[in-house]
Protein backbone atom coordinates (compact mmCIF):
# COMPACT_ATOMS: atom_id res chain seq x y z
CA UNK A 1 92.27 25.40 -37.72
CA UNK A 2 94.86 27.92 -38.89
CA UNK A 3 93.56 30.18 -41.63
CA UNK A 4 95.60 31.83 -44.36
CA UNK A 5 95.42 35.24 -42.60
CA UNK A 6 96.60 33.65 -39.35
CA UNK A 7 99.51 31.95 -41.07
CA UNK A 8 100.43 35.15 -42.89
CA UNK A 9 100.32 37.20 -39.66
CA UNK A 10 102.32 34.53 -37.87
CA UNK A 11 104.93 34.45 -40.62
CA UNK A 12 105.22 38.24 -40.49
CA UNK A 13 105.72 38.16 -36.73
CA UNK A 14 108.37 35.43 -36.97
CA UNK A 15 110.19 37.32 -39.72
CA UNK A 16 110.18 40.53 -37.69
CA UNK A 17 111.32 38.67 -34.56
CA UNK A 18 114.18 37.01 -36.43
CA UNK A 19 115.17 40.30 -38.02
CA UNK A 20 115.08 42.10 -34.69
CA UNK A 21 117.21 39.49 -32.95
CA UNK A 22 119.69 39.68 -35.82
CA UNK A 23 119.97 43.46 -35.40
CA UNK A 24 120.56 42.95 -31.66
CA UNK A 25 123.43 40.59 -32.39
CA UNK A 26 124.84 42.96 -34.99
CA UNK A 27 124.60 45.99 -32.68
CA UNK A 28 122.49 47.86 -35.24
CA UNK A 29 120.61 50.06 -32.77
CA UNK A 30 118.52 52.03 -35.28
CA UNK A 31 117.27 48.89 -37.02
CA UNK A 32 116.71 47.21 -33.66
CA UNK A 33 114.48 50.08 -32.51
CA UNK A 34 112.51 50.04 -35.76
CA UNK A 35 111.83 46.31 -35.68
CA UNK A 36 111.07 46.32 -31.95
CA UNK A 37 108.39 48.94 -32.61
CA UNK A 38 106.63 46.49 -34.97
CA UNK A 39 106.81 43.28 -32.94
CA UNK A 40 103.74 43.59 -30.69
CA UNK A 41 101.47 44.99 -33.45
CA UNK A 42 102.43 41.98 -35.58
CA UNK A 43 101.64 39.62 -32.70
CA UNK A 44 98.33 41.42 -32.11
CA UNK A 45 97.54 40.91 -35.80
CA UNK A 46 97.79 37.16 -35.24
CA UNK A 47 95.24 37.44 -32.42
CA UNK A 48 92.88 39.45 -34.61
CA UNK A 49 92.79 36.74 -37.29
CA UNK A 50 91.22 34.11 -35.01
CA UNK A 51 87.72 34.00 -33.49
CA UNK A 52 87.59 36.08 -30.30
CA UNK A 53 87.15 34.58 -26.86
CA UNK A 54 86.92 35.82 -23.26
CA UNK A 55 90.68 36.40 -23.04
CA UNK A 56 91.05 38.11 -26.42
CA UNK A 57 90.42 41.66 -25.27
CA UNK A 58 92.72 41.62 -22.22
CA UNK A 59 95.40 39.90 -24.32
CA UNK A 60 95.22 42.71 -26.88
CA UNK A 61 95.27 45.33 -24.11
CA UNK A 62 98.37 43.72 -22.57
CA UNK A 63 100.08 43.59 -25.96
CA UNK A 64 99.15 47.26 -26.45
CA UNK A 65 100.77 48.30 -23.17
CA UNK A 66 103.80 46.19 -24.09
CA UNK A 67 104.00 47.94 -27.46
CA UNK A 68 103.99 51.32 -25.71
CA UNK A 69 106.72 50.06 -23.39
CA UNK A 70 108.74 48.91 -26.39
CA UNK A 71 108.38 52.38 -27.92
CA UNK A 72 109.69 54.29 -24.90
CA UNK A 73 113.43 54.03 -25.73
CA UNK A 74 112.80 55.96 -28.94
CA UNK A 75 110.98 58.75 -27.08
CA UNK A 76 112.82 59.24 -23.78
CA UNK A 77 116.25 58.71 -22.28
CA UNK A 78 117.78 57.97 -18.88
CA UNK A 79 115.67 57.45 -15.76
CA UNK A 80 112.58 58.90 -17.45
CA UNK A 81 112.70 56.20 -20.12
CA UNK A 82 113.27 53.44 -17.58
CA UNK A 83 110.48 54.49 -15.22
CA UNK A 84 108.03 55.06 -18.08
CA UNK A 85 108.85 51.67 -19.54
CA UNK A 86 108.42 49.97 -16.15
CA UNK A 87 105.07 51.73 -15.65
CA UNK A 88 103.73 50.62 -19.02
CA UNK A 89 104.88 47.04 -18.60
CA UNK A 90 103.38 47.05 -15.10
CA UNK A 91 100.05 47.92 -16.76
CA UNK A 92 100.56 44.95 -19.10
CA UNK A 93 101.34 42.65 -16.18
CA UNK A 94 98.29 43.82 -14.24
CA UNK A 95 96.13 43.20 -17.31
CA UNK A 96 97.47 39.67 -17.64
CA UNK A 97 97.03 39.03 -13.90
CA UNK A 98 93.40 40.18 -13.89
CA UNK A 99 92.62 38.14 -17.01
CA UNK A 100 94.27 34.96 -15.72
CA UNK A 101 93.06 35.21 -12.11
CA UNK A 102 89.76 33.32 -12.73
CA UNK A 103 91.90 30.35 -13.88
CA UNK A 104 94.05 30.33 -10.74
CA UNK A 105 92.59 27.01 -9.62
CA UNK A 106 94.28 25.34 -12.58
CA UNK A 107 97.62 27.04 -11.97
CA UNK A 108 100.47 26.15 -9.62
CA UNK A 109 99.22 28.76 -7.16
CA UNK A 110 98.71 26.97 -3.85
CA UNK A 111 100.73 23.96 -4.99
CA UNK A 112 104.30 23.00 -4.04
CA UNK A 113 105.59 24.03 -7.48
CA UNK A 114 104.85 27.68 -6.66
CA UNK A 115 107.95 27.59 -4.43
CA UNK A 116 110.11 27.66 -7.57
CA UNK A 117 108.60 31.01 -8.58
CA UNK A 118 108.87 32.42 -5.06
CA UNK A 119 112.54 31.39 -4.92
CA UNK A 120 113.22 32.96 -8.33
CA UNK A 121 111.65 36.23 -7.20
CA UNK A 122 113.57 36.15 -3.92
CA UNK A 123 116.87 35.51 -5.67
CA UNK A 124 116.27 38.31 -8.16
CA UNK A 125 115.34 40.69 -5.35
CA UNK A 126 118.48 39.86 -3.38
CA UNK A 127 120.59 40.52 -6.47
CA UNK A 128 118.94 43.86 -7.23
CA UNK A 129 118.39 45.42 -3.77
CA UNK A 130 121.96 46.76 -3.33
CA UNK A 131 121.74 48.81 -6.52
CA UNK A 132 118.05 49.72 -6.53
CA UNK A 133 118.35 52.72 -4.19
CA UNK A 134 115.24 54.89 -4.32
CA UNK A 135 113.67 52.61 -6.91
CA UNK A 136 113.43 49.70 -4.48
CA UNK A 137 109.67 49.99 -3.89
CA UNK A 138 108.78 50.12 -7.62
CA UNK A 139 111.15 47.21 -8.24
CA UNK A 140 109.49 45.10 -5.54
CA UNK A 141 105.95 45.95 -6.73
CA UNK A 142 106.79 45.17 -10.33
CA UNK A 143 108.60 41.97 -9.37
CA UNK A 144 105.64 40.73 -7.35
CA UNK A 145 103.25 41.39 -10.21
CA UNK A 146 105.62 39.78 -12.71
CA UNK A 147 105.89 36.68 -10.51
CA UNK A 148 102.12 36.50 -10.06
CA UNK A 149 101.60 36.55 -13.83
CA UNK A 150 104.19 33.82 -14.31
CA UNK A 151 102.35 31.70 -11.75
CA UNK A 152 98.84 32.40 -13.07
CA UNK A 153 99.83 31.78 -16.68
CA UNK A 154 100.35 28.11 -15.79
CA UNK A 155 96.59 27.85 -15.38
CA UNK A 156 95.89 29.03 -18.92
CA UNK A 157 97.83 26.49 -20.98
CA UNK A 158 101.24 24.83 -20.95
CA UNK A 159 102.45 27.20 -23.67
CA UNK A 160 101.29 30.22 -21.68
CA UNK A 161 103.02 28.85 -18.59
CA UNK A 162 106.33 28.61 -20.45
CA UNK A 163 105.73 32.08 -21.87
CA UNK A 164 105.09 33.55 -18.44
CA UNK A 165 108.33 32.04 -17.15
CA UNK A 166 110.29 33.46 -20.10
CA UNK A 167 108.72 36.89 -19.58
CA UNK A 168 109.91 36.70 -15.96
CA UNK A 169 113.43 35.84 -17.17
CA UNK A 170 113.41 38.70 -19.67
CA UNK A 171 112.43 41.33 -17.11
CA UNK A 172 114.78 39.74 -14.60
CA UNK A 173 117.66 40.26 -17.04
CA UNK A 174 116.65 43.92 -17.44
CA UNK A 175 116.63 44.33 -13.65
CA UNK A 176 120.05 42.72 -13.30
CA UNK A 177 121.44 44.94 -16.03
CA UNK A 178 120.05 48.03 -14.30
CA UNK A 179 120.90 47.25 -10.68
CA UNK A 180 123.61 44.57 -10.49
CA UNK A 181 127.11 45.81 -11.34
CA UNK A 182 128.43 42.26 -11.68
CA UNK A 183 125.99 41.39 -14.46
CA UNK A 184 127.90 42.03 -17.70
CA UNK A 185 126.91 39.42 -20.31
CA UNK A 186 127.78 39.72 -24.00
CA UNK A 187 125.07 41.33 -26.19
CA UNK A 188 122.65 41.74 -23.25
CA UNK A 189 119.92 43.20 -25.46
CA UNK A 190 119.79 39.99 -27.48
CA UNK A 191 119.05 37.81 -24.46
CA UNK A 192 116.46 40.23 -23.11
CA UNK A 193 114.62 40.38 -26.41
CA UNK A 194 114.93 36.66 -27.14
CA UNK A 195 113.20 35.75 -23.89
CA UNK A 196 110.74 38.66 -24.18
CA UNK A 197 109.61 37.90 -27.73
CA UNK A 198 109.40 34.16 -27.04
CA UNK A 199 107.53 34.84 -23.80
CA UNK A 200 104.92 37.09 -25.37
CA UNK A 201 104.49 34.75 -28.33
CA UNK A 202 103.99 31.70 -26.10
CA UNK A 203 101.56 33.51 -23.79
CA UNK A 204 99.59 34.50 -26.88
CA UNK A 205 99.75 30.98 -28.32
CA UNK A 206 98.62 29.54 -24.99
CA UNK A 207 95.65 31.90 -24.77
CA UNK A 208 94.59 31.12 -28.33
CA UNK A 209 94.99 27.38 -27.73
CA UNK A 210 92.90 27.63 -24.56
CA UNK A 211 90.14 29.47 -26.36
CA UNK A 212 90.20 27.06 -29.31
CA UNK A 213 89.88 23.95 -27.09
CA UNK A 214 88.63 24.95 -23.61
CA UNK A 215 90.27 23.01 -20.79
CA UNK A 216 87.97 21.40 -18.26
CA UNK A 217 88.25 22.78 -14.74
CA UNK A 218 90.81 20.89 -12.72
CA UNK A 219 92.52 19.42 -15.78
CA UNK A 220 96.10 20.54 -16.47
CA UNK A 221 96.32 22.80 -19.52
């Protein structure tokens, strides 16, 4: 049952997310940085208002690494900012992967549906290889981990599975923007953050739903 603190924390997160997306559309970079800095702490606050479960701690750790990754653009510039951000989000992805691995039997891993994720990773890799240069190895490692998390999240809950897919899309858009010269969408930051915020929120919602009503082994979440 949702408590008043949970609803208040959720409302705060939604308000910050809406405000941030609005600043992205408006091209207000300073306001966008400020609101982005607050998004993951607000989402973590939602987690802290509900009874803890076995996935609570790794979820908070992953949100913490994501928050640090979100903060990088305000601290560094150029390649240093990009590599630091990738490193921090890789830590978040590894945390998610380790936490979700025990639930792999309920995920699409080892099922025909996993081919969709493999194809998405392959297509993204083909698009990014020509422009990756010396960053090819880090790009491949991060992409593999990102894909694994998207796959494993399907074993947590349907909401988490959708969130993992959106997180994949978000980071895929970042990779295309960095390495594919042909990728020039309007307001690219808006689409990256829309899929990122929705992805993190749905992963969190899926984890909390799983811990509120545990899913029996072998039963789709």
